[in-house]
N, C-alpha and C. Protein backbone atom coordinates (compact mmCIF):
# COMPACT_ATOMS: atom_id res chain seq x y z
N MET A 1 97.61 135.28 116.96
CA MET A 1 98.53 134.53 117.82
C MET A 1 97.73 133.66 118.77
N ARG A 2 97.90 132.33 118.71
CA ARG A 2 97.16 131.45 119.59
C ARG A 2 97.79 131.45 120.98
N THR A 3 96.95 131.56 122.00
CA THR A 3 97.39 131.40 123.37
C THR A 3 96.99 130.01 123.83
N VAL A 4 97.95 129.19 124.18
CA VAL A 4 97.66 127.81 124.52
C VAL A 4 97.17 127.71 125.95
N THR A 5 95.97 127.17 126.11
CA THR A 5 95.41 126.93 127.43
C THR A 5 94.56 125.69 127.38
N LEU A 6 94.54 124.96 128.47
CA LEU A 6 93.70 123.77 128.53
C LEU A 6 92.36 124.06 129.19
N ALA A 7 92.05 125.33 129.43
CA ALA A 7 90.79 125.68 130.06
C ALA A 7 89.67 125.69 129.04
N GLY A 8 88.46 125.47 129.51
CA GLY A 8 87.28 125.63 128.67
C GLY A 8 87.02 124.50 127.72
N ILE A 9 87.68 123.36 127.90
CA ILE A 9 87.47 122.23 127.01
C ILE A 9 86.31 121.39 127.53
N SER A 10 85.42 120.96 126.63
CA SER A 10 84.38 120.03 127.03
C SER A 10 85.02 118.72 127.44
N ALA A 11 84.72 118.25 128.63
CA ALA A 11 85.42 117.09 129.18
C ALA A 11 84.76 115.77 128.84
N PHE A 12 83.56 115.80 128.22
CA PHE A 12 82.85 114.54 128.10
C PHE A 12 82.57 114.10 126.67
N LEU A 13 82.60 114.99 125.70
CA LEU A 13 82.24 114.62 124.34
C LEU A 13 83.35 113.83 123.68
N LEU A 14 82.96 112.88 122.85
CA LEU A 14 83.91 111.99 122.20
C LEU A 14 84.32 112.57 120.86
N LEU A 15 85.62 112.86 120.71
CA LEU A 15 86.11 113.43 119.46
C LEU A 15 86.13 112.38 118.36
N SER A 16 86.61 111.19 118.68
CA SER A 16 86.72 110.14 117.68
C SER A 16 86.97 108.83 118.39
N LEU A 17 86.93 107.75 117.65
CA LEU A 17 87.19 106.45 118.24
C LEU A 17 88.65 106.29 118.62
N VAL A 18 89.54 106.85 117.84
CA VAL A 18 90.98 106.76 118.11
C VAL A 18 91.56 108.15 117.95
N PHE A 19 92.24 108.65 118.97
CA PHE A 19 92.84 109.97 118.89
C PHE A 19 94.25 109.86 118.34
N GLY A 20 94.60 110.73 117.41
CA GLY A 20 95.98 110.80 116.96
C GLY A 20 96.32 109.84 115.85
N THR A 21 95.42 109.57 114.94
CA THR A 21 95.75 108.76 113.78
C THR A 21 96.75 109.50 112.92
N ARG A 22 97.85 108.83 112.60
CA ARG A 22 98.92 109.53 111.91
C ARG A 22 99.21 108.89 110.56
N PRO A 23 99.40 109.70 109.52
CA PRO A 23 99.74 109.14 108.22
C PRO A 23 101.15 108.60 108.22
N GLU A 24 101.37 107.58 107.43
CA GLU A 24 102.73 107.07 107.25
C GLU A 24 103.45 107.96 106.25
N ALA A 25 104.69 107.60 105.98
CA ALA A 25 105.49 108.40 105.06
C ALA A 25 104.82 108.46 103.70
N SER A 26 104.94 109.58 103.04
CA SER A 26 104.32 109.77 101.74
C SER A 26 105.01 108.94 100.68
N ALA A 27 104.32 108.73 99.57
CA ALA A 27 104.84 107.88 98.52
C ALA A 27 106.15 108.42 97.95
N GLU A 28 106.24 109.75 97.84
CA GLU A 28 107.46 110.31 97.27
C GLU A 28 108.65 110.09 98.21
N ASP A 29 108.39 110.09 99.52
CA ASP A 29 109.46 109.81 100.46
C ASP A 29 109.97 108.39 100.29
N ALA A 30 109.06 107.43 100.08
CA ALA A 30 109.44 106.04 100.01
C ALA A 30 110.39 105.77 98.85
N GLN A 31 110.40 106.64 97.85
CA GLN A 31 111.25 106.44 96.68
C GLN A 31 112.71 106.75 96.97
N VAL A 32 113.00 107.41 98.06
CA VAL A 32 114.38 107.84 98.31
C VAL A 32 114.96 107.23 99.58
N CYS A 33 114.29 106.21 100.12
CA CYS A 33 114.83 105.51 101.28
C CYS A 33 115.05 104.04 100.91
N ASP A 34 115.75 103.30 101.76
CA ASP A 34 116.08 101.91 101.50
C ASP A 34 114.83 101.06 101.31
N ALA A 35 114.78 100.26 100.24
CA ALA A 35 113.57 99.52 99.89
C ALA A 35 113.21 98.49 100.95
N ASP A 36 114.18 97.74 101.45
CA ASP A 36 113.89 96.71 102.45
C ASP A 36 113.41 97.34 103.76
N ALA A 37 114.06 98.43 104.16
CA ALA A 37 113.66 99.11 105.40
C ALA A 37 112.25 99.66 105.27
N ASP A 38 111.94 100.25 104.12
CA ASP A 38 110.62 100.81 103.92
C ASP A 38 109.56 99.72 103.78
N TYR A 39 109.94 98.58 103.23
CA TYR A 39 109.00 97.46 103.14
C TYR A 39 108.58 97.03 104.55
N SER A 40 109.54 96.91 105.44
CA SER A 40 109.24 96.52 106.81
C SER A 40 108.31 97.54 107.47
N LEU A 41 108.52 98.81 107.17
CA LEU A 41 107.64 99.85 107.70
C LEU A 41 106.24 99.70 107.13
N GLY A 42 106.17 99.43 105.83
CA GLY A 42 104.88 99.33 105.16
C GLY A 42 104.04 98.17 105.65
N VAL A 43 104.69 97.06 106.03
CA VAL A 43 103.94 95.89 106.51
C VAL A 43 103.81 95.91 108.03
N GLU A 44 104.20 97.02 108.64
CA GLU A 44 104.04 97.25 110.08
C GLU A 44 104.88 96.30 110.94
N ASP A 45 106.01 95.85 110.39
CA ASP A 45 106.99 95.10 111.19
C ASP A 45 107.97 96.13 111.75
N TYR A 46 107.55 96.80 112.82
CA TYR A 46 108.28 97.97 113.29
C TYR A 46 109.64 97.63 113.89
N SER A 47 109.75 96.50 114.54
CA SER A 47 111.05 96.10 115.09
C SER A 47 112.07 95.90 113.98
N GLU A 48 111.64 95.21 112.93
CA GLU A 48 112.54 94.99 111.80
C GLU A 48 112.81 96.30 111.06
N SER A 49 111.80 97.14 110.96
CA SER A 49 112.00 98.43 110.32
C SER A 49 113.02 99.27 111.08
N ILE A 50 112.93 99.26 112.40
CA ILE A 50 113.91 99.99 113.21
C ILE A 50 115.30 99.46 112.95
N ARG A 51 115.45 98.14 112.98
CA ARG A 51 116.77 97.55 112.77
C ARG A 51 117.34 97.95 111.42
N ARG A 52 116.53 97.87 110.38
CA ARG A 52 117.01 98.17 109.03
C ARG A 52 117.30 99.65 108.86
N HIS A 53 116.46 100.51 109.42
CA HIS A 53 116.71 101.94 109.28
C HIS A 53 117.94 102.38 110.08
N VAL A 54 118.16 101.77 111.22
CA VAL A 54 119.39 102.07 111.97
C VAL A 54 120.61 101.73 111.13
N GLU A 55 120.54 100.62 110.39
CA GLU A 55 121.66 100.24 109.53
C GLU A 55 121.82 101.22 108.37
N VAL A 56 120.70 101.66 107.80
CA VAL A 56 120.78 102.66 106.73
C VAL A 56 121.45 103.92 107.24
N ILE A 57 121.07 104.37 108.42
CA ILE A 57 121.64 105.59 108.98
C ILE A 57 123.10 105.41 109.36
N ARG A 58 123.47 104.20 109.80
CA ARG A 58 124.88 103.94 110.10
C ARG A 58 125.74 104.15 108.85
N GLN A 59 125.21 103.72 107.71
CA GLN A 59 125.95 103.86 106.46
C GLN A 59 125.79 105.25 105.85
N HIS A 60 124.64 105.86 106.06
CA HIS A 60 124.34 107.16 105.46
C HIS A 60 123.72 108.07 106.52
N PRO A 61 124.52 108.62 107.42
CA PRO A 61 123.99 109.39 108.55
C PRO A 61 123.24 110.65 108.16
N ASP A 62 123.43 111.12 106.93
CA ASP A 62 122.75 112.34 106.49
C ASP A 62 121.46 112.06 105.72
N ASN A 63 120.97 110.83 105.75
CA ASN A 63 119.74 110.47 105.04
C ASN A 63 118.54 110.91 105.88
N ALA A 64 118.00 112.07 105.54
CA ALA A 64 116.91 112.65 106.33
C ALA A 64 115.67 111.78 106.31
N ILE A 65 115.36 111.18 105.15
CA ILE A 65 114.17 110.33 105.06
C ILE A 65 114.31 109.12 105.97
N ALA A 66 115.50 108.56 106.05
CA ALA A 66 115.70 107.41 106.94
C ALA A 66 115.47 107.79 108.39
N HIS A 67 115.90 108.98 108.79
CA HIS A 67 115.64 109.44 110.15
C HIS A 67 114.14 109.61 110.38
N TYR A 68 113.45 110.15 109.39
CA TYR A 68 112.00 110.31 109.50
C TYR A 68 111.31 108.97 109.68
N HIS A 69 111.64 108.02 108.82
CA HIS A 69 111.02 106.70 108.89
C HIS A 69 111.38 105.98 110.19
N LEU A 70 112.61 106.12 110.62
CA LEU A 70 113.02 105.52 111.89
C LEU A 70 112.21 106.13 113.04
N GLY A 71 112.01 107.43 113.01
CA GLY A 71 111.21 108.07 114.04
C GLY A 71 109.80 107.53 114.07
N PHE A 72 109.19 107.38 112.89
CA PHE A 72 107.83 106.85 112.83
C PHE A 72 107.76 105.45 113.43
N ALA A 73 108.74 104.60 113.06
CA ALA A 73 108.75 103.23 113.59
C ALA A 73 108.95 103.22 115.10
N ARG A 74 109.83 104.07 115.59
CA ARG A 74 110.05 104.13 117.05
C ARG A 74 108.78 104.60 117.77
N GLY A 75 108.07 105.53 117.16
CA GLY A 75 106.83 105.98 117.76
C GLY A 75 105.79 104.88 117.83
N MET A 76 105.76 104.02 116.81
CA MET A 76 104.77 102.96 116.78
C MET A 76 105.06 101.87 117.81
N VAL A 77 106.27 101.82 118.34
CA VAL A 77 106.56 100.88 119.43
C VAL A 77 106.56 101.59 120.78
N GLY A 78 106.15 102.86 120.79
CA GLY A 78 105.93 103.56 122.04
C GLY A 78 107.07 104.40 122.56
N ASP A 79 108.15 104.56 121.79
CA ASP A 79 109.29 105.36 122.26
C ASP A 79 109.14 106.78 121.75
N LYS A 80 108.37 107.59 122.46
CA LYS A 80 108.04 108.94 121.99
C LYS A 80 109.26 109.86 121.96
N ALA A 81 110.12 109.75 122.96
CA ALA A 81 111.29 110.63 122.99
C ALA A 81 112.18 110.37 121.78
N ALA A 82 112.40 109.09 121.47
CA ALA A 82 113.22 108.75 120.30
C ALA A 82 112.52 109.15 119.01
N GLU A 83 111.21 108.99 118.96
CA GLU A 83 110.45 109.39 117.78
C GLU A 83 110.65 110.87 117.49
N ILE A 84 110.42 111.71 118.50
CA ILE A 84 110.56 113.15 118.31
C ILE A 84 111.99 113.51 117.95
N GLY A 85 112.95 112.86 118.59
CA GLY A 85 114.36 113.13 118.29
C GLY A 85 114.71 112.85 116.84
N GLU A 86 114.20 111.75 116.30
CA GLU A 86 114.47 111.42 114.89
C GLU A 86 113.81 112.42 113.96
N TYR A 87 112.59 112.85 114.29
CA TYR A 87 111.93 113.86 113.47
C TYR A 87 112.74 115.16 113.47
N GLN A 88 113.23 115.53 114.62
CA GLN A 88 114.04 116.74 114.71
C GLN A 88 115.34 116.60 113.92
N HIS A 89 115.90 115.41 113.93
CA HIS A 89 117.12 115.16 113.16
C HIS A 89 116.82 115.30 111.67
N ALA A 90 115.70 114.71 111.23
CA ALA A 90 115.32 114.82 109.82
C ALA A 90 115.10 116.28 109.43
N GLU A 91 114.46 117.03 110.30
CA GLU A 91 114.23 118.45 110.04
C GLU A 91 115.56 119.20 109.94
N ALA A 92 116.50 118.90 110.85
CA ALA A 92 117.80 119.56 110.84
C ALA A 92 118.58 119.25 109.57
N LEU A 93 118.31 118.09 108.98
CA LEU A 93 118.98 117.70 107.73
C LEU A 93 118.29 118.29 106.51
N GLY A 94 117.22 119.06 106.73
CA GLY A 94 116.60 119.79 105.63
C GLY A 94 115.29 119.25 105.11
N LEU A 95 114.75 118.20 105.74
CA LEU A 95 113.48 117.65 105.25
C LEU A 95 112.34 118.60 105.61
N ARG A 96 111.53 118.95 104.61
CA ARG A 96 110.41 119.88 104.81
C ARG A 96 109.14 119.24 104.27
N SER A 97 108.76 118.13 104.85
CA SER A 97 107.58 117.38 104.42
C SER A 97 106.44 117.66 105.37
N TRP A 98 105.25 117.95 104.83
CA TRP A 98 104.12 118.28 105.70
C TRP A 98 103.81 117.17 106.68
N ASP A 99 103.93 115.90 106.21
CA ASP A 99 103.58 114.80 107.10
C ASP A 99 104.63 114.58 108.18
N LEU A 100 105.88 114.97 107.93
CA LEU A 100 106.89 114.94 108.99
C LEU A 100 106.44 115.84 110.14
N PHE A 101 106.03 117.06 109.83
CA PHE A 101 105.66 118.00 110.89
C PHE A 101 104.33 117.63 111.54
N LEU A 102 103.43 117.00 110.78
CA LEU A 102 102.20 116.52 111.38
C LEU A 102 102.51 115.42 112.39
N ASN A 103 103.31 114.45 111.99
CA ASN A 103 103.67 113.36 112.90
C ASN A 103 104.44 113.89 114.10
N LYS A 104 105.32 114.84 113.86
CA LYS A 104 106.08 115.44 114.96
C LYS A 104 105.14 116.11 115.95
N GLY A 105 104.19 116.88 115.44
CA GLY A 105 103.26 117.57 116.32
C GLY A 105 102.40 116.62 117.13
N LEU A 106 101.92 115.55 116.50
CA LEU A 106 101.09 114.58 117.22
C LEU A 106 101.89 113.84 118.27
N ALA A 107 103.16 113.55 117.96
CA ALA A 107 104.03 112.91 118.96
C ALA A 107 104.28 113.86 120.12
N GLN A 108 104.50 115.13 119.82
CA GLN A 108 104.71 116.12 120.88
C GLN A 108 103.47 116.25 121.75
N LEU A 109 102.29 116.20 121.14
CA LEU A 109 101.06 116.29 121.90
C LEU A 109 100.92 115.10 122.84
N GLU A 110 101.20 113.89 122.32
CA GLU A 110 101.14 112.70 123.15
C GLU A 110 102.16 112.77 124.28
N ASP A 111 103.26 113.49 124.05
CA ASP A 111 104.31 113.62 125.06
C ASP A 111 104.04 114.79 126.01
N GLY A 112 102.90 115.45 125.85
CA GLY A 112 102.53 116.54 126.74
C GLY A 112 103.10 117.89 126.39
N LYS A 113 103.74 118.02 125.23
CA LYS A 113 104.35 119.28 124.80
C LYS A 113 103.36 120.03 123.92
N VAL A 114 102.38 120.68 124.53
CA VAL A 114 101.25 121.25 123.79
C VAL A 114 101.68 122.42 122.92
N ASN A 115 102.47 123.35 123.47
CA ASN A 115 102.90 124.51 122.68
C ASN A 115 103.70 124.08 121.45
N ALA A 116 104.62 123.16 121.65
CA ALA A 116 105.43 122.66 120.53
C ALA A 116 104.55 121.95 119.51
N ALA A 117 103.56 121.22 119.98
CA ALA A 117 102.65 120.52 119.08
C ALA A 117 101.89 121.49 118.19
N VAL A 118 101.40 122.58 118.78
CA VAL A 118 100.68 123.59 118.00
C VAL A 118 101.56 124.13 116.89
N GLU A 119 102.79 124.48 117.21
CA GLU A 119 103.71 125.03 116.21
C GLU A 119 103.96 124.04 115.09
N SER A 120 104.17 122.78 115.44
CA SER A 120 104.47 121.76 114.42
C SER A 120 103.28 121.53 113.51
N VAL A 121 102.08 121.43 114.07
CA VAL A 121 100.91 121.14 113.25
C VAL A 121 100.53 122.35 112.40
N GLN A 122 100.73 123.55 112.93
CA GLN A 122 100.52 124.74 112.11
C GLN A 122 101.45 124.73 110.89
N LEU A 123 102.70 124.33 111.10
CA LEU A 123 103.63 124.26 109.97
C LEU A 123 103.21 123.17 108.99
N ALA A 124 102.68 122.06 109.50
CA ALA A 124 102.18 121.01 108.61
C ALA A 124 101.07 121.55 107.72
N VAL A 125 100.20 122.39 108.27
CA VAL A 125 99.12 122.99 107.48
C VAL A 125 99.69 123.92 106.43
N ARG A 126 100.68 124.72 106.80
CA ARG A 126 101.27 125.66 105.83
C ARG A 126 101.94 124.90 104.69
N LEU A 127 102.57 123.78 105.00
CA LEU A 127 103.29 123.02 103.97
C LEU A 127 102.36 122.10 103.18
N GLY A 128 101.28 121.66 103.81
CA GLY A 128 100.39 120.69 103.17
C GLY A 128 98.96 121.16 103.16
N GLY A 129 98.73 122.37 102.68
CA GLY A 129 97.41 122.99 102.75
C GLY A 129 96.32 122.26 101.99
N ASP A 130 96.68 121.36 101.08
CA ASP A 130 95.66 120.63 100.34
C ASP A 130 95.45 119.23 100.88
N HIS A 131 95.93 118.97 102.09
CA HIS A 131 95.77 117.66 102.70
C HIS A 131 94.76 117.72 103.84
N PHE A 132 93.76 116.87 103.76
CA PHE A 132 92.73 116.80 104.79
C PHE A 132 93.33 116.61 106.18
N GLU A 133 94.29 115.67 106.30
CA GLU A 133 94.80 115.30 107.61
C GLU A 133 95.39 116.49 108.36
N ALA A 134 96.09 117.36 107.64
CA ALA A 134 96.75 118.49 108.30
C ALA A 134 95.71 119.42 108.93
N HIS A 135 94.68 119.77 108.18
CA HIS A 135 93.65 120.67 108.71
C HIS A 135 92.85 119.98 109.81
N PHE A 136 92.53 118.72 109.64
CA PHE A 136 91.74 118.00 110.62
C PHE A 136 92.47 117.89 111.95
N GLU A 137 93.76 117.55 111.91
CA GLU A 137 94.50 117.41 113.16
C GLU A 137 94.71 118.75 113.85
N LEU A 138 94.90 119.82 113.07
CA LEU A 138 95.00 121.14 113.68
C LEU A 138 93.66 121.52 114.32
N ALA A 139 92.56 121.16 113.67
CA ALA A 139 91.24 121.42 114.24
C ALA A 139 91.07 120.69 115.57
N ARG A 140 91.48 119.44 115.63
CA ARG A 140 91.36 118.69 116.88
C ARG A 140 92.22 119.29 117.98
N LEU A 141 93.40 119.73 117.59
CA LEU A 141 94.29 120.35 118.58
C LEU A 141 93.71 121.67 119.06
N ASP A 142 93.20 122.48 118.13
CA ASP A 142 92.60 123.76 118.51
C ASP A 142 91.40 123.54 119.45
N GLU A 143 90.58 122.52 119.16
CA GLU A 143 89.45 122.23 120.05
C GLU A 143 89.94 121.83 121.42
N ARG A 144 91.01 121.06 121.45
CA ARG A 144 91.53 120.59 122.73
C ARG A 144 92.04 121.73 123.60
N ILE A 145 92.63 122.74 122.98
CA ILE A 145 93.19 123.85 123.77
C ILE A 145 92.20 125.01 123.90
N GLY A 146 90.97 124.81 123.44
CA GLY A 146 89.93 125.80 123.66
C GLY A 146 89.87 126.92 122.64
N MET A 147 90.57 126.80 121.52
CA MET A 147 90.52 127.82 120.47
C MET A 147 89.41 127.43 119.48
N LEU A 148 88.18 127.70 119.86
CA LEU A 148 87.04 127.11 119.17
C LEU A 148 86.78 127.74 117.81
N ALA A 149 86.98 129.05 117.67
CA ALA A 149 86.79 129.67 116.36
C ALA A 149 87.78 129.10 115.35
N GLU A 150 89.04 128.97 115.78
CA GLU A 150 90.07 128.40 114.91
C GLU A 150 89.76 126.94 114.60
N ALA A 151 89.27 126.22 115.60
CA ALA A 151 88.93 124.81 115.39
C ALA A 151 87.80 124.66 114.38
N GLU A 152 86.80 125.53 114.47
CA GLU A 152 85.70 125.49 113.51
C GLU A 152 86.21 125.78 112.10
N HIS A 153 87.06 126.79 111.97
CA HIS A 153 87.61 127.15 110.65
C HIS A 153 88.36 125.97 110.04
N GLU A 154 89.23 125.34 110.83
CA GLU A 154 90.04 124.24 110.30
C GLU A 154 89.18 123.02 109.98
N THR A 155 88.15 122.79 110.79
CA THR A 155 87.26 121.66 110.51
C THR A 155 86.51 121.87 109.21
N LEU A 156 85.99 123.07 109.02
CA LEU A 156 85.28 123.37 107.78
C LEU A 156 86.21 123.25 106.57
N LYS A 157 87.47 123.66 106.75
CA LYS A 157 88.44 123.51 105.67
C LYS A 157 88.69 122.04 105.38
N SER A 158 88.80 121.24 106.41
CA SER A 158 89.01 119.80 106.19
C SER A 158 87.83 119.17 105.47
N LEU A 159 86.62 119.66 105.77
CA LEU A 159 85.44 119.12 105.10
C LEU A 159 85.33 119.58 103.65
N GLN A 160 85.92 120.72 103.32
CA GLN A 160 86.00 121.11 101.92
C GLN A 160 86.88 120.12 101.15
N LEU A 161 87.92 119.64 101.81
CA LEU A 161 88.85 118.71 101.16
C LEU A 161 88.35 117.28 101.15
N SER A 162 87.53 116.94 102.15
CA SER A 162 86.97 115.58 102.23
C SER A 162 85.51 115.67 102.68
N PRO A 163 84.63 116.06 101.77
CA PRO A 163 83.22 116.26 102.16
C PRO A 163 82.60 114.99 102.73
N GLY A 164 81.87 115.16 103.80
CA GLY A 164 81.16 114.03 104.40
C GLY A 164 81.99 113.19 105.35
N HIS A 165 83.25 113.54 105.56
CA HIS A 165 84.11 112.73 106.43
C HIS A 165 83.49 112.65 107.83
N PRO A 166 83.19 111.44 108.34
CA PRO A 166 82.47 111.34 109.61
C PRO A 166 83.22 111.89 110.81
N GLU A 167 84.53 111.68 110.87
CA GLU A 167 85.30 112.19 112.01
C GLU A 167 85.28 113.72 112.04
N ALA A 168 85.41 114.34 110.87
CA ALA A 168 85.39 115.80 110.83
C ALA A 168 84.00 116.34 111.16
N ARG A 169 82.96 115.68 110.67
CA ARG A 169 81.60 116.12 110.99
C ARG A 169 81.33 115.96 112.49
N ASN A 170 81.77 114.87 113.06
CA ASN A 170 81.60 114.67 114.49
C ASN A 170 82.34 115.74 115.28
N LEU A 171 83.56 116.06 114.85
CA LEU A 171 84.33 117.10 115.51
C LEU A 171 83.61 118.45 115.43
N LEU A 172 83.02 118.74 114.29
CA LEU A 172 82.28 120.00 114.17
C LEU A 172 81.14 120.04 115.18
N GLY A 173 80.48 118.91 115.39
CA GLY A 173 79.45 118.84 116.41
C GLY A 173 80.01 119.10 117.80
N VAL A 174 81.17 118.55 118.09
CA VAL A 174 81.81 118.78 119.39
C VAL A 174 82.12 120.26 119.58
N ILE A 175 82.63 120.89 118.53
CA ILE A 175 82.98 122.31 118.62
C ILE A 175 81.72 123.15 118.89
N TYR A 176 80.62 122.84 118.18
CA TYR A 176 79.39 123.58 118.41
C TYR A 176 78.87 123.35 119.84
N ALA A 177 78.99 122.12 120.33
CA ALA A 177 78.58 121.85 121.71
C ALA A 177 79.44 122.62 122.69
N ASP A 178 80.74 122.69 122.43
CA ASP A 178 81.64 123.48 123.27
C ASP A 178 81.21 124.94 123.31
N GLN A 179 80.69 125.42 122.19
CA GLN A 179 80.25 126.83 122.09
C GLN A 179 78.85 127.04 122.65
N GLY A 180 78.24 125.98 123.13
CA GLY A 180 76.87 126.08 123.65
C GLY A 180 75.81 125.98 122.59
N LEU A 181 76.19 125.66 121.35
CA LEU A 181 75.23 125.56 120.25
C LEU A 181 74.75 124.11 120.14
N THR A 182 74.02 123.67 121.15
CA THR A 182 73.67 122.25 121.24
C THR A 182 72.71 121.81 120.15
N THR A 183 71.84 122.69 119.70
CA THR A 183 70.90 122.32 118.63
C THR A 183 71.66 121.99 117.35
N ARG A 184 72.64 122.82 117.01
CA ARG A 184 73.44 122.57 115.81
C ARG A 184 74.27 121.30 115.98
N ALA A 185 74.82 121.10 117.17
CA ALA A 185 75.61 119.89 117.43
C ALA A 185 74.75 118.64 117.27
N CYS A 186 73.58 118.65 117.89
CA CYS A 186 72.70 117.48 117.81
C CYS A 186 72.26 117.20 116.38
N SER A 187 72.04 118.26 115.61
CA SER A 187 71.64 118.08 114.21
C SER A 187 72.72 117.34 113.43
N ILE A 188 73.96 117.72 113.65
CA ILE A 188 75.07 117.05 112.96
C ILE A 188 75.15 115.59 113.37
N TRP A 189 75.06 115.32 114.67
CA TRP A 189 75.17 113.94 115.15
C TRP A 189 74.01 113.08 114.70
N ARG A 190 72.81 113.65 114.66
CA ARG A 190 71.64 112.88 114.20
C ARG A 190 71.78 112.54 112.72
N GLU A 191 72.29 113.47 111.93
CA GLU A 191 72.53 113.18 110.52
C GLU A 191 73.55 112.06 110.36
N LEU A 192 74.60 112.10 111.18
CA LEU A 192 75.61 111.05 111.12
C LEU A 192 75.02 109.69 111.48
N VAL A 193 74.22 109.65 112.54
CA VAL A 193 73.61 108.39 112.96
C VAL A 193 72.63 107.88 111.91
N HIS A 194 71.92 108.81 111.27
CA HIS A 194 71.00 108.40 110.20
C HIS A 194 71.75 107.75 109.05
N GLU A 195 72.91 108.33 108.69
CA GLU A 195 73.69 107.80 107.58
C GLU A 195 74.53 106.59 107.98
N LEU A 196 75.06 106.63 109.22
CA LEU A 196 75.94 105.58 109.72
C LEU A 196 75.42 105.12 111.08
N PRO A 197 74.44 104.23 111.11
CA PRO A 197 73.78 103.87 112.37
C PRO A 197 74.71 103.31 113.44
N ASP A 198 75.85 102.77 113.06
CA ASP A 198 76.77 102.18 114.04
C ASP A 198 77.94 103.10 114.37
N TYR A 199 77.87 104.36 113.97
CA TYR A 199 78.99 105.27 114.22
C TYR A 199 78.97 105.70 115.69
N GLN A 200 79.87 105.13 116.48
CA GLN A 200 79.82 105.26 117.93
C GLN A 200 80.05 106.68 118.46
N PRO A 201 81.01 107.46 117.95
CA PRO A 201 81.19 108.80 118.51
C PRO A 201 79.92 109.64 118.51
N ALA A 202 79.18 109.63 117.41
CA ALA A 202 77.95 110.42 117.35
C ALA A 202 76.89 109.85 118.28
N LEU A 203 76.76 108.53 118.33
CA LEU A 203 75.79 107.91 119.22
C LEU A 203 76.09 108.26 120.68
N ILE A 204 77.36 108.16 121.05
CA ILE A 204 77.76 108.44 122.43
C ILE A 204 77.55 109.91 122.75
N ASN A 205 77.93 110.80 121.81
CA ASN A 205 77.77 112.23 122.07
C ASN A 205 76.31 112.63 122.24
N LEU A 206 75.43 112.05 121.44
CA LEU A 206 74.00 112.32 121.60
C LEU A 206 73.52 111.85 122.97
N SER A 207 73.96 110.67 123.36
CA SER A 207 73.56 110.13 124.66
C SER A 207 74.07 110.98 125.81
N LEU A 208 75.33 111.40 125.72
CA LEU A 208 75.92 112.21 126.77
C LEU A 208 75.26 113.57 126.87
N LEU A 209 74.97 114.15 125.71
CA LEU A 209 74.33 115.47 125.72
C LEU A 209 72.92 115.38 126.28
N ASP A 210 72.20 114.30 125.92
CA ASP A 210 70.87 114.11 126.46
C ASP A 210 70.89 113.95 127.97
N SER A 211 71.87 113.18 128.47
CA SER A 211 71.94 112.93 129.91
C SER A 211 72.36 114.17 130.69
N ALA A 212 73.04 115.11 129.99
CA ALA A 212 73.49 116.34 130.66
C ALA A 212 72.46 117.45 130.60
N THR A 213 71.40 117.25 129.81
CA THR A 213 70.36 118.27 129.64
C THR A 213 69.33 118.15 130.77
N PRO A 214 69.10 119.24 131.51
CA PRO A 214 68.11 119.19 132.60
C PRO A 214 66.72 118.87 132.07
N VAL A 215 66.00 118.09 132.84
CA VAL A 215 64.62 117.72 132.45
C VAL A 215 63.69 118.90 132.78
């Protein structure tokens, strides 16, 4: 049972260049929603996507996929409350898609609802156990709330699914640094910089760790 706490988090290490990257609706979902509305979503015309999905829902209020897609579009224009509400509506209508719960959890996290976010992302992992994104985002959340053993486990699982992924490798370094294993953390970051000389998270983390180390 995870106990959610914001204590014990490293305050200076960089997890990634962008926090909270979220997958769009899965391909199988797109097959059962309105083509024009989904096209607008796919080309990132979120205002038009919102308008079209609202019309789809007006005609078909029980279309769970339309509620999911509408929620995603609303989130992309910054309306987190509406985003979460649409995800909850889709869930109430019976949608059990791993990426729905991943997006819901990330939106809840951005909205400051940490406990709810943990529950949603855990469910995303249970439903989508073979997807890198689910394990990686749970790992980032676990690191954020100080559950470092769980974060390490989920990061290693994500790397099994996507070997060499730079964001996951960088996160593993952050987790080791949080645990005081600075030699292991630096080794990971140096390998990343050797392979990807312009990869900023690893470069910054090495610099920050060096500046924090007593002479």
